Amino acid sequence: MNDAAPMLETFVYCSRAAEGVDDAEVDRIIEWSQRRNVEREITGVLVFGSGVFFQWIEGPPAAVKNLIASLDGDPRHHDIVALDRSAEKRERLYPNWEMERVAADDIRAVLQDALESAEDKSNIAALRRILKHLDLGPLDTLGRS
């Protein structure tokens, strides 16, 4: 372990995008997050595919705690499932903000793994809803015949 490494809190979650959240809205979220999170020393990666967000956040514990509080109140997504939260002294895994768009199959594999290790009943229910949502097709095809 590197003693000079900073104390970082890690928060990993997935959630379901609200209706009307499209690629353009996700681009705005990323642009805003990149600017705002630099000030807060928060880095990470945001994956968005088929109407599902998957995000890995790392930064100073107080800043990550504040970010989690703002995520909970954000109307652009729901069914937030915390997959991991921990704090330790280490180097950053994601020193720069990254964005990745993925296919439903890639997201499905991540969520399936999360479901298999989930113990919290509300997380299990939310993960099942997200997986069911993926079975229905991407958000932009919902409600169209």
C-alpha atoms as a PDB file:
ATOM      1  CA  MET A   1       0.000   0.000   0.000  1.00  0.00           C
ATOM      2  CA  ASN A   2       1.225   3.476  -0.878  1.00  0.00           C
ATOM      3  CA  ASP A   3       1.289   5.661   2.267  1.00  0.00           C
ATOM      4  CA  ALA A   4       1.332   8.781   0.109  1.00  0.00           C
ATOM      5  CA  ALA A   5      -1.894   7.714  -1.599  1.00  0.00           C
ATOM      6  CA  PRO A   6      -4.964   9.787  -0.755  1.00  0.00           C
ATOM      7  CA  MET A   7      -7.950   8.498   1.225  1.00  0.00           C
ATOM      8  CA  LEU A   8     -10.557   7.855  -1.451  1.00  0.00           C
ATOM      9  CA  GLU A   9     -14.169   6.868  -1.093  1.00  0.00           C
ATOM     10  CA  THR A  10     -15.540   4.716  -3.890  1.00  0.00           C
ATOM     11  CA  PHE A  11     -19.227   4.565  -4.763  1.00  0.00           C
ATOM     12  CA  VAL A  12     -20.480   2.274  -7.528  1.00  0.00           C
ATOM     13  CA  TYR A  13     -24.133   2.220  -8.525  1.00  0.00           C
ATOM     14  CA  CYS A  14     -26.542   1.513 -11.326  1.00  0.00           C
ATOM     15  CA  SER A  15     -29.900   3.119 -12.013  1.00  0.00           C
ATOM     16  CA  ARG A  16     -32.632   3.337 -14.606  1.00  0.00           C
ATOM     17  CA  ALA A  17     -32.909   6.506 -16.680  1.00  0.00           C
ATOM     18  CA  ALA A  18     -36.172   8.408 -16.388  1.00  0.00           C
ATOM     19  CA  GLU A  19     -38.395   8.630 -19.448  1.00  0.00           C
ATOM     20  CA  GLY A  20     -37.127  11.264 -21.866  1.00  0.00           C
ATOM     21  CA  VAL A  21     -33.457  10.918 -20.891  1.00  0.00           C
ATOM     22  CA  ASP A  22     -31.672  10.427 -24.205  1.00  0.00           C
ATOM     23  CA  ASP A  23     -28.064  10.536 -25.447  1.00  0.00           C
ATOM     24  CA  ALA A  24     -28.158  14.347 -25.696  1.00  0.00           C
ATOM     25  CA  GLU A  25     -29.240  14.618 -22.046  1.00  0.00           C
ATOM     26  CA  VAL A  26     -26.509  12.153 -21.036  1.00  0.00           C
ATOM     27  CA  ASP A  27     -23.957  14.308 -22.906  1.00  0.00           C
ATOM     28  CA  ARG A  28     -25.164  17.334 -20.882  1.00  0.00           C
ATOM     29  CA  ILE A  29     -24.873  15.348 -17.635  1.00  0.00           C
ATOM     30  CA  ILE A  30     -21.301  14.378 -18.501  1.00  0.00           C
ATOM     31  CA  GLU A  31     -20.259  17.886 -19.512  1.00  0.00           C
ATOM     32  CA  TRP A  32     -21.705  19.348 -16.304  1.00  0.00           C
ATOM     33  CA  SER A  33     -20.236  16.566 -14.150  1.00  0.00           C
ATOM     34  CA  GLN A  34     -16.767  16.977 -15.626  1.00  0.00           C
ATOM     35  CA  ARG A  35     -16.727  20.706 -14.813  1.00  0.00           C
ATOM     36  CA  ARG A  36     -18.271  20.382 -11.370  1.00  0.00           C
ATOM     37  CA  ASN A  37     -16.373  17.299 -10.238  1.00  0.00           C
ATOM     38  CA  VAL A  38     -12.931  18.723 -11.046  1.00  0.00           C
ATOM     39  CA  GLU A  39     -13.524  21.296  -8.275  1.00  0.00           C
ATOM     40  CA  ARG A  40     -14.594  18.540  -5.874  1.00  0.00           C
ATOM     41  CA  GLU A  41     -11.696  16.214  -6.808  1.00  0.00           C
ATOM     42  CA  ILE A  42     -14.188  13.552  -7.879  1.00  0.00           C
ATOM     43  CA  THR A  43     -13.312  11.292 -10.807  1.00  0.00           C
ATOM     44  CA  GLY A  44     -14.842   8.150 -12.212  1.00  0.00           C
ATOM     45  CA  VAL A  45     -16.500   6.554 -15.159  1.00  0.00           C
ATOM     46  CA  LEU A  46     -20.089   6.752 -16.367  1.00  0.00           C
ATOM     47  CA  VAL A  47     -21.482   4.009 -18.554  1.00  0.00           C
ATOM     48  CA  PHE A  48     -24.850   4.542 -20.257  1.00  0.00           C
ATOM     49  CA  GLY A  49     -26.593   1.986 -22.417  1.00  0.00           C
ATOM     50  CA  SER A  50     -30.175   0.973 -23.134  1.00  0.00           C
ATOM     51  CA  GLY A  51     -31.601   3.422 -20.621  1.00  0.00           C
ATOM     52  CA  VAL A  52     -29.386   2.215 -17.773  1.00  0.00           C
ATOM     53  CA  PHE A  53     -26.652   4.155 -15.972  1.00  0.00           C
ATOM     54  CA  PHE A  54     -23.676   2.436 -14.368  1.00  0.00           C
ATOM     55  CA  GLN A  55     -21.270   4.721 -12.547  1.00  0.00           C
ATOM     56  CA  TRP A  56     -18.027   4.367 -10.594  1.00  0.00           C
ATOM     57  CA  ILE A  57     -17.204   7.471  -8.517  1.00  0.00           C
ATOM     58  CA  GLU A  58     -14.086   8.065  -6.446  1.00  0.00           C
ATOM     59  CA  GLY A  59     -12.929  11.046  -4.430  1.00  0.00           C
ATOM     60  CA  PRO A  60     -12.579  12.592  -0.974  1.00  0.00           C
ATOM     61  CA  PRO A  61     -15.140  10.965   1.375  1.00  0.00           C
ATOM     62  CA  ALA A  62     -17.050  14.202   2.175  1.00  0.00           C
ATOM     63  CA  ALA A  63     -17.323  15.132  -1.514  1.00  0.00           C
ATOM     64  CA  VAL A  64     -18.549  11.647  -2.473  1.00  0.00           C
ATOM     65  CA  LYS A  65     -21.121  11.732   0.343  1.00  0.00           C
ATOM     66  CA  ASN A  66     -22.478  15.058  -0.996  1.00  0.00           C
ATOM     67  CA  LEU A  67     -22.587  13.674  -4.529  1.00  0.00           C
ATOM     68  CA  ILE A  68     -24.539  10.598  -3.385  1.00  0.00           C
ATOM     69  CA  ALA A  69     -27.088  12.909  -1.699  1.00  0.00           C
ATOM     70  CA  SER A  70     -27.536  14.856  -4.955  1.00  0.00           C
ATOM     71  CA  LEU A  71     -27.881  11.614  -6.971  1.00  0.00           C
ATOM     72  CA  ASP A  72     -30.725  10.488  -4.728  1.00  0.00           C
ATOM     73  CA  GLY A  73     -32.673  13.645  -5.527  1.00  0.00           C
ATOM     74  CA  ASP A  74     -32.001  13.676  -9.273  1.00  0.00           C
ATOM     75  CA  PRO A  75     -35.257  13.165 -11.229  1.00  0.00           C
ATOM     76  CA  ARG A  76     -33.375  11.959 -14.328  1.00  0.00           C
ATOM     77  CA  HIS A  77     -33.047   8.439 -12.918  1.00  0.00           C
ATOM     78  CA  HIS A  78     -34.648   6.006 -10.457  1.00  0.00           C
ATOM     79  CA  ASP A  79     -34.138   2.496  -9.065  1.00  0.00           C
ATOM     80  CA  ILE A  80     -30.703   3.515  -7.769  1.00  0.00           C
ATOM     81  CA  VAL A  81     -28.832   0.419  -6.583  1.00  0.00           C
ATOM     82  CA  ALA A  82     -25.603   0.841  -4.632  1.00  0.00           C
ATOM     83  CA  LEU A  83     -23.278  -1.939  -5.769  1.00  0.00           C
ATOM     84  CA  ASP A  84     -20.224  -0.965  -3.725  1.00  0.00           C
ATOM     85  CA  ARG A  85     -19.151   1.702  -1.277  1.00  0.00           C
ATOM     86  CA  SER A  86     -15.810   1.740   0.483  1.00  0.00           C
ATOM     87  CA  ALA A  87     -13.004   4.053   1.590  1.00  0.00           C
ATOM     88  CA  GLU A  88      -9.295   3.302   1.502  1.00  0.00           C
ATOM     89  CA  LYS A  89      -5.913   4.864   0.844  1.00  0.00           C
ATOM     90  CA  ARG A  90      -5.043   4.149  -2.776  1.00  0.00           C
ATOM     91  CA  GLU A  91      -4.299   5.685  -6.123  1.00  0.00           C
ATOM     92  CA  ARG A  92      -7.244   6.581  -8.355  1.00  0.00           C
ATOM     93  CA  LEU A  93      -8.466   3.954 -10.807  1.00  0.00           C
ATOM     94  CA  TYR A  94     -10.045   6.674 -12.989  1.00  0.00           C
ATOM     95  CA  PRO A  95      -7.876   9.805 -12.818  1.00  0.00           C
ATOM     96  CA  ASN A  96      -9.850  11.337 -15.710  1.00  0.00           C
ATOM     97  CA  TRP A  97     -13.595  11.356 -16.335  1.00  0.00           C
ATOM     98  CA  GLU A  98     -14.509   8.839 -18.958  1.00  0.00           C
ATOM     99  CA  MET A  99     -17.717   8.045 -20.743  1.00  0.00           C
ATOM    100  CA  GLU A 100     -18.667   4.867 -22.430  1.00  0.00           C
ATOM    101  CA  ARG A 101     -21.766   3.922 -24.362  1.00  0.00           C
ATOM    102  CA  VAL A 102     -22.469   0.226 -24.240  1.00  0.00           C
ATOM    103  CA  ALA A 103     -24.912  -2.249 -25.695  1.00  0.00           C
ATOM    104  CA  ALA A 104     -27.699  -3.740 -23.589  1.00  0.00           C
ATOM    105  CA  ASP A 105     -25.924  -7.108 -23.508  1.00  0.00           C
ATOM    106  CA  ASP A 106     -22.832  -5.592 -21.862  1.00  0.00           C
ATOM    107  CA  ILE A 107     -24.907  -3.816 -19.211  1.00  0.00           C
ATOM    108  CA  ARG A 108     -26.974  -6.976 -18.685  1.00  0.00           C
ATOM    109  CA  ALA A 109     -23.855  -8.984 -17.778  1.00  0.00           C
ATOM    110  CA  VAL A 110     -22.798  -6.390 -15.184  1.00  0.00           C
ATOM    111  CA  LEU A 111     -26.287  -6.261 -13.672  1.00  0.00           C
ATOM    112  CA  GLN A 112     -26.647 -10.051 -13.663  1.00  0.00           C
ATOM    113  CA  ASP A 113     -23.381 -10.300 -11.680  1.00  0.00           C
ATOM    114  CA  ALA A 114     -24.621  -7.620  -9.281  1.00  0.00           C
ATOM    115  CA  LEU A 115     -27.934  -9.442  -8.805  1.00  0.00           C
ATOM    116  CA  GLU A 116     -26.165 -12.708  -7.973  1.00  0.00           C
ATOM    117  CA  SER A 117     -24.178 -11.054  -5.172  1.00  0.00           C
ATOM    118  CA  ALA A 118     -26.906  -8.680  -3.919  1.00  0.00           C
ATOM    119  CA  GLU A 119     -28.270  -9.283  -0.434  1.00  0.00           C
ATOM    120  CA  ASP A 120     -30.429  -6.204   0.184  1.00  0.00           C
ATOM    121  CA  LYS A 121     -34.071  -6.936  -0.736  1.00  0.00           C
ATOM    122  CA  SER A 122     -34.748  -3.467  -2.211  1.00  0.00           C
ATOM    123  CA  ASN A 123     -31.542  -3.681  -4.301  1.00  0.00           C
ATOM    124  CA  ILE A 124     -32.546  -7.121  -5.587  1.00  0.00           C
ATOM    125  CA  ALA A 125     -36.002  -5.793  -6.525  1.00  0.00           C
ATOM    126  CA  ALA A 126     -34.523  -2.737  -8.279  1.00  0.00           C
ATOM    127  CA  LEU A 127     -31.974  -4.838 -10.185  1.00  0.00           C
ATOM    128  CA  ARG A 128     -34.774  -7.152 -11.333  1.00  0.00           C
ATOM    129  CA  ARG A 129     -36.779  -4.112 -12.529  1.00  0.00           C
ATOM    130  CA  ILE A 130     -33.754  -2.803 -14.429  1.00  0.00           C
ATOM    131  CA  LEU A 131     -33.133  -6.199 -16.057  1.00  0.00           C
ATOM    132  CA  LYS A 132     -36.819  -6.462 -16.958  1.00  0.00           C
ATOM    133  CA  HIS A 133     -36.602  -2.982 -18.468  1.00  0.00           C
ATOM    134  CA  LEU A 134     -33.680  -4.177 -20.630  1.00  0.00           C
ATOM    135  CA  ASP A 135     -35.832  -7.058 -21.845  1.00  0.00           C
ATOM    136  CA  LEU A 136     -38.391  -4.521 -23.097  1.00  0.00           C
ATOM    137  CA  GLY A 137     -35.804  -2.756 -25.280  1.00  0.00           C
ATOM    138  CA  PRO A 138     -34.066   0.602 -25.056  1.00  0.00           C
ATOM    139  CA  LEU A 139     -35.937   3.605 -23.652  1.00  0.00           C
ATOM    140  CA  ASP A 140     -36.222   5.344 -27.006  1.00  0.00           C
ATOM    141  CA  THR A 141     -38.301   2.454 -28.371  1.00  0.00           C
ATOM    142  CA  LEU A 142     -40.687   2.265 -25.412  1.00  0.00           C
ATOM    143  CA  GLY A 143     -44.200   3.475 -26.118  1.00  0.00           C
ATOM    144  CA  ARG A 144     -43.776   3.210 -29.873  1.00  0.00           C
ATOM    145  CA  SER A 145     -45.387   0.499 -31.926  1.00  0.00           C
END
